[in-house]
Protein backbone atom coordinates (compact mmCIF):
# COMPACT_ATOMS: atom_id res chain seq x y z
CA UNK A 1 157.08 116.59 102.78
CA UNK A 2 154.75 119.33 101.66
CA UNK A 3 151.22 119.16 102.97
CA UNK A 4 148.58 118.43 100.30
CA UNK A 5 146.50 121.39 99.21
CA UNK A 6 142.85 120.88 100.08
CA UNK A 7 140.41 121.91 97.39
CA UNK A 8 136.74 122.20 98.43
CA UNK A 9 134.26 120.06 96.54
CA UNK A 10 131.54 122.14 94.88
CA UNK A 11 129.03 119.42 95.76
CA UNK A 12 129.88 119.59 99.46
CA UNK A 13 129.30 123.21 100.38
CA UNK A 14 126.94 124.28 103.12
CA UNK A 15 124.87 126.64 100.98
CA UNK A 16 124.08 124.19 98.21
CA UNK A 17 122.13 120.95 97.94
CA UNK A 18 122.49 118.42 95.17
CA UNK A 19 119.61 115.97 94.68
CA UNK A 20 119.94 113.02 92.33
CA UNK A 21 116.55 112.47 90.68
CA UNK A 22 117.50 109.40 88.67
CA UNK A 23 116.99 106.02 90.29
CA UNK A 24 119.42 103.46 88.90
CA UNK A 25 118.80 99.76 89.44
CA UNK A 26 121.38 99.50 92.19
CA UNK A 27 119.31 101.99 94.25
CA UNK A 28 116.30 99.66 94.24
CA UNK A 29 116.78 97.47 97.29
CA UNK A 30 113.94 94.99 96.56
CA UNK A 31 111.62 94.27 93.66
CA UNK A 32 108.10 95.72 93.77
CA UNK A 33 106.81 92.18 93.24
CA UNK A 34 107.44 91.41 96.91
CA UNK A 35 104.52 93.67 97.82
CA UNK A 36 102.12 91.20 96.23
CA UNK A 37 102.47 89.36 99.55
CA UNK A 38 100.12 92.00 100.98
CA UNK A 39 97.19 90.60 98.97
CA UNK A 40 96.44 87.01 100.19
CA UNK A 41 95.66 87.77 103.86
CA UNK A 42 93.85 91.00 102.99
CA UNK A 43 91.64 89.23 100.46
CA UNK A 44 91.03 86.41 102.96
CA UNK A 45 89.76 89.00 105.45
CA UNK A 46 87.21 90.32 102.97
CA UNK A 47 86.23 86.75 102.05
CA UNK A 48 85.65 85.97 105.73
CA UNK A 49 83.40 89.04 106.06
CA UNK A 50 81.43 88.22 102.91
CA UNK A 51 80.99 84.47 103.15
CA UNK A 52 81.00 84.30 106.93
CA UNK A 53 78.25 86.88 107.44
CA UNK A 54 75.36 84.36 107.23
CA UNK A 55 77.16 82.17 109.81
CA UNK A 56 77.58 84.94 112.35
CA UNK A 57 75.27 85.17 115.37
CA UNK A 58 73.12 88.23 116.00
CA UNK A 59 75.76 89.56 118.43
CA UNK A 60 79.45 89.46 117.56
CA UNK A 61 82.49 89.90 119.85
CA UNK A 62 84.20 93.28 119.58
CA UNK A 63 86.70 93.10 122.45
CA UNK A 64 88.78 90.38 124.10
CA UNK A 65 90.57 90.02 127.40
CA UNK A 66 93.32 87.49 128.13
CA UNK A 67 90.90 84.57 128.25
CA UNK A 68 87.78 85.29 126.19
CA UNK A 69 85.60 87.92 124.56
CA UNK A 70 84.23 90.43 127.08
CA UNK A 71 82.20 92.78 124.86
CA UNK A 72 79.70 92.23 122.07
CA UNK A 73 77.78 94.34 119.55
CA UNK A 74 74.76 93.74 117.37
CA UNK A 75 75.76 92.32 114.01
CA UNK A 76 75.66 94.77 111.12
CA UNK A 77 77.43 95.24 107.82
CA UNK A 78 79.54 98.08 109.23
CA UNK A 79 80.61 96.13 112.33
CA UNK A 80 81.54 93.11 110.24
CA UNK A 81 83.53 95.17 107.71
CA UNK A 82 85.46 97.19 110.29
CA UNK A 83 88.41 94.75 110.62
CA UNK A 84 88.74 94.45 106.83
CA UNK A 85 88.61 98.22 106.34
CA UNK A 86 91.17 98.88 109.07
CA UNK A 87 93.38 96.18 107.57
CA UNK A 88 93.08 97.88 104.17
CA UNK A 89 93.99 101.31 105.56
CA UNK A 90 96.99 100.06 107.53
CA UNK A 91 98.15 97.97 104.56
CA UNK A 92 97.91 100.97 102.24
CA UNK A 93 100.03 103.08 104.58
CA UNK A 94 102.69 100.36 104.94
CA UNK A 95 102.60 99.73 101.19
CA UNK A 96 103.36 103.39 100.45
CA UNK A 97 106.09 103.39 103.09
CA UNK A 98 107.55 100.26 101.55
CA UNK A 99 107.57 101.74 98.04
CA UNK A 100 109.71 104.62 99.22
CA UNK A 101 111.90 102.47 101.44
CA UNK A 102 112.69 100.09 98.58
CA UNK A 103 114.73 102.80 96.89
CA UNK A 104 117.78 104.54 98.23
CA UNK A 105 116.67 108.04 99.24
CA UNK A 106 117.99 111.04 97.33
CA UNK A 107 121.26 112.07 98.89
CA UNK A 108 120.90 115.31 100.82
CA UNK A 109 124.25 114.91 102.52
CA UNK A 110 126.25 115.13 99.31
CA UNK A 111 128.09 111.85 99.77
CA UNK A 112 126.47 108.38 99.46
CA UNK A 113 129.56 106.86 101.07
CA UNK A 114 128.80 108.74 104.29
CA UNK A 115 126.61 105.80 105.31
CA UNK A 116 128.37 102.59 104.21
CA UNK A 117 126.19 99.46 104.08
CA UNK A 118 123.04 101.53 104.62
CA UNK A 119 121.83 99.85 101.40
CA UNK A 120 121.72 96.46 103.15
CA UNK A 121 120.05 97.98 106.18
CA UNK A 122 117.28 99.41 103.95
CA UNK A 123 116.86 96.08 102.21
CA UNK A 124 116.41 94.12 105.42
CA UNK A 125 114.17 96.88 106.79
CA UNK A 126 111.80 96.46 103.83
CA UNK A 127 111.49 92.73 104.51
CA UNK A 128 110.81 93.46 108.18
CA UNK A 129 108.10 95.90 107.09
CA UNK A 130 106.56 93.18 104.91
CA UNK A 131 106.58 90.80 107.85
CA UNK A 132 104.98 93.40 110.10
CA UNK A 133 102.25 94.16 107.57
CA UNK A 134 101.36 90.50 107.10
CA UNK A 135 101.29 89.98 110.85
CA UNK A 136 99.00 92.98 111.29
CA UNK A 137 96.74 91.70 108.53
CA UNK A 138 96.61 88.29 110.22
CA UNK A 139 95.46 89.96 113.43
CA UNK A 140 92.58 91.66 111.61
CA UNK A 141 91.74 88.36 109.88
CA UNK A 142 91.58 86.70 113.29
CA UNK A 143 89.13 89.37 114.49
CA UNK A 144 87.01 88.82 111.37
CA UNK A 145 87.05 85.04 111.75
CA UNK A 146 86.25 85.41 115.46
CA UNK A 147 82.80 86.65 114.50
CA UNK A 148 81.72 83.15 113.50
CA UNK A 149 84.39 80.68 114.74
CA UNK A 150 86.31 80.39 117.98
CA UNK A 151 89.70 82.11 117.90
CA UNK A 152 91.99 81.64 120.94
CA UNK A 153 92.41 85.07 122.61
CA UNK A 154 96.16 84.48 122.86
CA UNK A 155 96.29 84.85 119.08
CA UNK A 156 95.71 88.57 119.50
CA UNK A 157 98.87 88.82 121.60
CA UNK A 158 101.06 87.52 118.80
CA UNK A 159 101.38 90.89 117.03
CA UNK A 160 102.58 92.48 120.29
CA UNK A 161 105.11 89.73 120.91
CA UNK A 162 106.29 89.87 117.32
CA UNK A 163 106.58 93.65 117.65
CA UNK A 164 109.17 93.18 120.38
CA UNK A 165 111.10 90.81 118.13
CA UNK A 166 110.79 93.29 115.26
CA UNK A 167 112.23 96.18 117.30
CA UNK A 168 115.11 93.97 118.43
CA UNK A 169 115.78 92.94 114.82
CA UNK A 170 115.82 96.55 113.59
CA UNK A 171 118.19 97.53 116.40
CA UNK A 172 120.52 94.68 115.51
CA UNK A 173 120.49 95.49 111.80
CA UNK A 174 121.04 99.18 112.41
CA UNK A 175 124.06 98.69 114.65
CA UNK A 176 125.34 95.86 112.44
CA UNK A 177 125.22 97.68 109.11
CA UNK A 178 124.98 101.41 109.83
CA UNK A 179 125.98 102.60 113.27
CA UNK A 180 129.06 100.41 113.61
CA UNK A 181 130.48 101.58 110.27
CA UNK A 182 132.59 104.69 109.99
CA UNK A 183 131.48 107.26 107.41
CA UNK A 184 133.73 108.00 104.47
CA UNK A 185 134.30 111.44 103.10
CA UNK A 186 132.69 114.75 103.94
CA UNK A 187 129.04 115.21 104.89
CA UNK A 188 126.90 118.11 103.76
CA UNK A 189 125.70 120.41 106.54
CA UNK A 190 121.89 120.32 106.37
CA UNK A 191 121.04 121.69 109.84
CA UNK A 192 118.78 124.36 108.35
CA UNK A 193 116.46 121.65 107.00
CA UNK A 194 115.74 120.15 110.45
CA UNK A 195 113.02 122.03 112.33
CA UNK A 196 113.77 121.92 116.08
CA UNK A 197 116.45 119.42 115.15
CA UNK A 198 113.82 116.65 114.77
CA UNK A 199 111.48 117.34 111.84
CA UNK A 200 112.88 117.35 108.30
CA UNK A 201 111.45 119.96 105.93
CA UNK A 202 112.81 120.47 102.42
CA UNK A 203 110.36 121.04 99.52
CA UNK A 204 113.31 120.84 97.08
CA UNK A 205 114.07 117.23 98.07
CA UNK A 206 111.80 114.79 96.16
CA UNK A 207 112.22 112.07 98.81
CA UNK A 208 109.17 111.57 101.01
CA UNK A 209 111.37 109.79 103.56
CA UNK A 210 114.93 110.64 104.59
CA UNK A 211 117.21 108.89 107.03
CA UNK A 212 116.95 110.13 110.58
CA UNK A 213 119.82 112.26 111.76
CA UNK A 214 119.62 110.57 115.18
CA UNK A 215 118.28 107.10 115.85
CA UNK A 216 117.11 104.32 113.58
CA UNK A 217 115.26 104.27 110.29
CA UNK A 218 113.57 107.09 108.41
CA UNK A 219 111.57 110.21 109.08
CA UNK A 220 109.08 111.97 106.78
CA UNK A 221 110.09 114.95 104.72
CA UNK A 222 107.33 117.38 105.68
CA UNK A 223 108.22 119.50 102.71
CA UNK A 224 106.29 116.93 100.61
CA UNK A 225 102.44 116.77 100.75
CA UNK A 226 102.55 112.95 100.69
CA UNK A 227 104.34 112.94 104.06
CA UNK A 228 101.50 114.91 105.64
CA UNK A 229 98.88 112.59 104.13
CA UNK A 230 100.65 109.50 105.46
CA UNK A 231 101.08 111.03 108.92
CA UNK A 232 97.37 111.89 109.08
CA UNK A 233 96.53 108.38 107.87
CA UNK A 234 98.65 106.77 110.59
CA UNK A 235 97.02 108.92 113.27
CA UNK A 236 93.59 107.98 111.89
CA UNK A 237 94.41 104.26 112.10
CA UNK A 238 95.62 104.62 115.69
CA UNK A 239 92.53 106.58 116.75
CA UNK A 240 90.20 104.13 114.98
CA UNK A 241 91.94 101.15 116.59
CA UNK A 242 91.66 102.70 120.07
CA UNK A 243 87.98 103.49 119.57
CA UNK A 244 87.35 99.97 118.26
CA UNK A 245 89.15 98.29 121.17
CA UNK A 246 87.41 100.40 123.84
CA UNK A 247 83.92 100.19 122.39
CA UNK A 248 81.48 98.39 124.65
């Protein structure tokens, strides 16, 4: 039998990138309405700061060890609002991340079938992000409530324990729906868009997040200003949290 003649696909050449700007319904992995779940705990944190302020003693706990509070600070409006403000900042960052994760990213590899069942992985990842955000908010609410009522110190360990479960869940989902599946069709060579092989940079790609080339999940597209803003915001939250936890 004669061998079939291979004809190159114009959409799968190494010197060309095709970005689909339209976002059909099937590319939306979850409804935006799910993000309303961010509001109840966040609003409860502000309510605790506002209505609990008169009930708070002159000194409030600002650090806990495994058994009890071990550092206090003089009560002030800024001290009392810190947990609520940090909760707002972290929620805003996760909310923006979730908005981009809820849609299938623009294909920079030229072939959506190159990652079969990645759609389901993204969908479950969004729900895990929602769970993480609510858990983080609950931790800040516990700090706020701890200013005027007793909160068991072990409560503050729950986010860390849940984080371990979260990482295990993401690993399972990734290997279950992405890694274990064989790609179909050709994949566009986009090596020139990965700086040092790790950082994605492509101003022509409208996606703020793209799938990692190695590992699990997504990485920012530093060709978009929004990616830089979110990265700076995340660093700010981490620095603020460290300063808050080490303050005496």
